[in-house]
Amino acid sequence: MLFLGVVLVNVSLFALTFIRQTFISILVAIELLLLAVSLVSISFCFFFDFFEGQVFSLFVLNFAAAESAIGLALLVQFYRAKGRIDFDFHSFLKG
């Protein structure tokens, strides 16, 4: 299970680094990264018989849920303002 978490972390970091086409792909890559870190934390917790890793993973999952809600709200606002969704919104934010 630890190997799967490390592979997922690497895949999500690759996606964040090289695949930056749309806002949705960036949100999915961040979600995958947070869930992979949670999986690694739970596997270390199981291996070393600690309880703190499970509590940490609950906090990470709460943060991931809040991040996805805020990201989707931003996505809806960008679509309403521009009529399209792309990652080139930094010029739109300048005013």
Protein backbone atom coordinates (compact mmCIF):
# COMPACT_ATOMS: atom_id res chain seq x y z
CA MET A 1 0.00 0.00 0.00
CA LEU A 2 2.95 2.29 0.63
CA PHE A 3 4.26 1.69 -2.89
CA LEU A 4 0.87 2.63 -4.34
CA GLY A 5 0.87 5.88 -2.36
CA VAL A 6 4.36 6.79 -3.56
CA VAL A 7 3.38 6.06 -7.16
CA LEU A 8 0.27 8.23 -6.82
CA VAL A 9 2.32 11.08 -5.36
CA ASN A 10 4.72 10.91 -8.30
CA VAL A 11 1.88 10.78 -10.84
CA SER A 12 0.16 13.78 -9.29
CA LEU A 13 3.39 15.80 -9.13
CA PHE A 14 4.04 14.97 -12.79
CA ALA A 15 0.52 16.11 -13.67
CA LEU A 16 0.94 19.35 -11.74
CA THR A 17 4.28 20.04 -13.37
CA PHE A 18 3.66 19.15 -17.00
CA ILE A 19 -0.09 18.91 -17.64
CA ARG A 20 -1.38 22.42 -16.96
CA GLN A 21 -3.98 22.74 -19.67
CA THR A 22 -7.20 23.36 -17.79
CA PHE A 23 -8.22 24.44 -14.34
CA ILE A 24 -10.06 21.16 -13.79
CA SER A 25 -6.95 19.07 -14.50
CA ILE A 26 -5.02 21.09 -11.93
CA LEU A 27 -7.75 20.56 -9.32
CA VAL A 28 -7.81 16.83 -10.01
CA ALA A 29 -4.02 16.63 -9.69
CA ILE A 30 -4.11 18.45 -6.35
CA GLU A 31 -6.87 16.16 -5.10
CA LEU A 32 -4.86 13.12 -6.15
CA LEU A 33 -1.82 14.48 -4.35
CA LEU A 34 -3.74 15.04 -1.12
CA LEU A 35 -5.33 11.59 -1.24
CA ALA A 36 -1.95 9.97 -1.97
CA VAL A 37 -0.37 11.72 1.02
CA SER A 38 -3.27 10.50 3.13
CA LEU A 39 -2.74 6.95 1.87
CA VAL A 40 0.98 7.11 2.70
CA SER A 41 0.16 8.44 6.16
CA ILE A 42 -2.30 5.63 6.83
CA SER A 43 0.13 2.98 5.60
CA PHE A 44 2.91 4.30 7.86
CA CYS A 45 0.41 4.40 10.71
CA PHE A 46 -0.51 0.78 10.09
CA PHE A 47 3.12 -0.29 9.79
CA PHE A 48 4.37 1.45 12.95
CA ASP A 49 1.12 1.04 14.94
CA PHE A 50 0.48 4.76 15.56
CA PHE A 51 -2.88 6.47 15.83
CA GLU A 52 -1.75 9.97 14.86
CA GLY A 53 -1.43 9.11 11.19
CA GLN A 54 -5.12 8.32 10.95
CA VAL A 55 -6.05 11.62 12.59
CA PHE A 56 -3.70 13.45 10.23
CA SER A 57 -5.31 11.76 7.23
CA LEU A 58 -8.76 12.87 8.44
CA PHE A 59 -7.52 16.47 8.54
CA VAL A 60 -6.04 16.06 5.05
CA LEU A 61 -9.36 14.72 3.72
CA ASN A 62 -11.23 17.65 5.27
CA PHE A 63 -8.77 20.05 3.66
CA ALA A 64 -9.20 18.29 0.31
CA ALA A 65 -12.98 18.62 0.50
CA ALA A 66 -12.74 22.34 1.30
CA GLU A 67 -10.20 22.88 -1.47
CA SER A 68 -12.39 21.18 -4.05
CA ALA A 69 -15.44 23.20 -3.01
CA ILE A 70 -13.53 26.49 -3.28
CA GLY A 71 -11.94 25.43 -6.57
CA LEU A 72 -15.26 24.53 -8.12
CA ALA A 73 -16.75 27.83 -6.94
CA LEU A 74 -13.87 29.68 -8.62
CA LEU A 75 -14.42 27.63 -11.75
CA VAL A 76 -18.09 28.62 -11.90
CA GLN A 77 -17.22 32.30 -11.38
CA PHE A 78 -14.58 32.26 -14.12
CA TYR A 79 -17.03 30.61 -16.49
CA ARG A 80 -19.68 33.21 -15.73
CA ALA A 81 -17.24 36.08 -16.21
CA LYS A 82 -15.38 34.90 -19.34
CA GLY A 83 -17.66 32.33 -20.93
CA ARG A 84 -14.87 29.75 -21.17
CA ILE A 85 -12.63 27.82 -18.84
CA ASP A 86 -8.88 27.85 -19.43
CA PHE A 87 -5.79 28.25 -17.33
CA ASP A 88 -4.83 31.59 -18.85
CA PHE A 89 -6.85 33.62 -16.35
CA HIS A 90 -3.97 35.60 -14.82
CA SER A 91 -4.57 38.43 -17.31
CA PHE A 92 -8.24 38.36 -16.37
CA LEU A 93 -7.38 38.81 -12.69
CA LYS A 94 -5.37 42.00 -13.33
CA GLY A 95 -8.54 43.94 -13.94
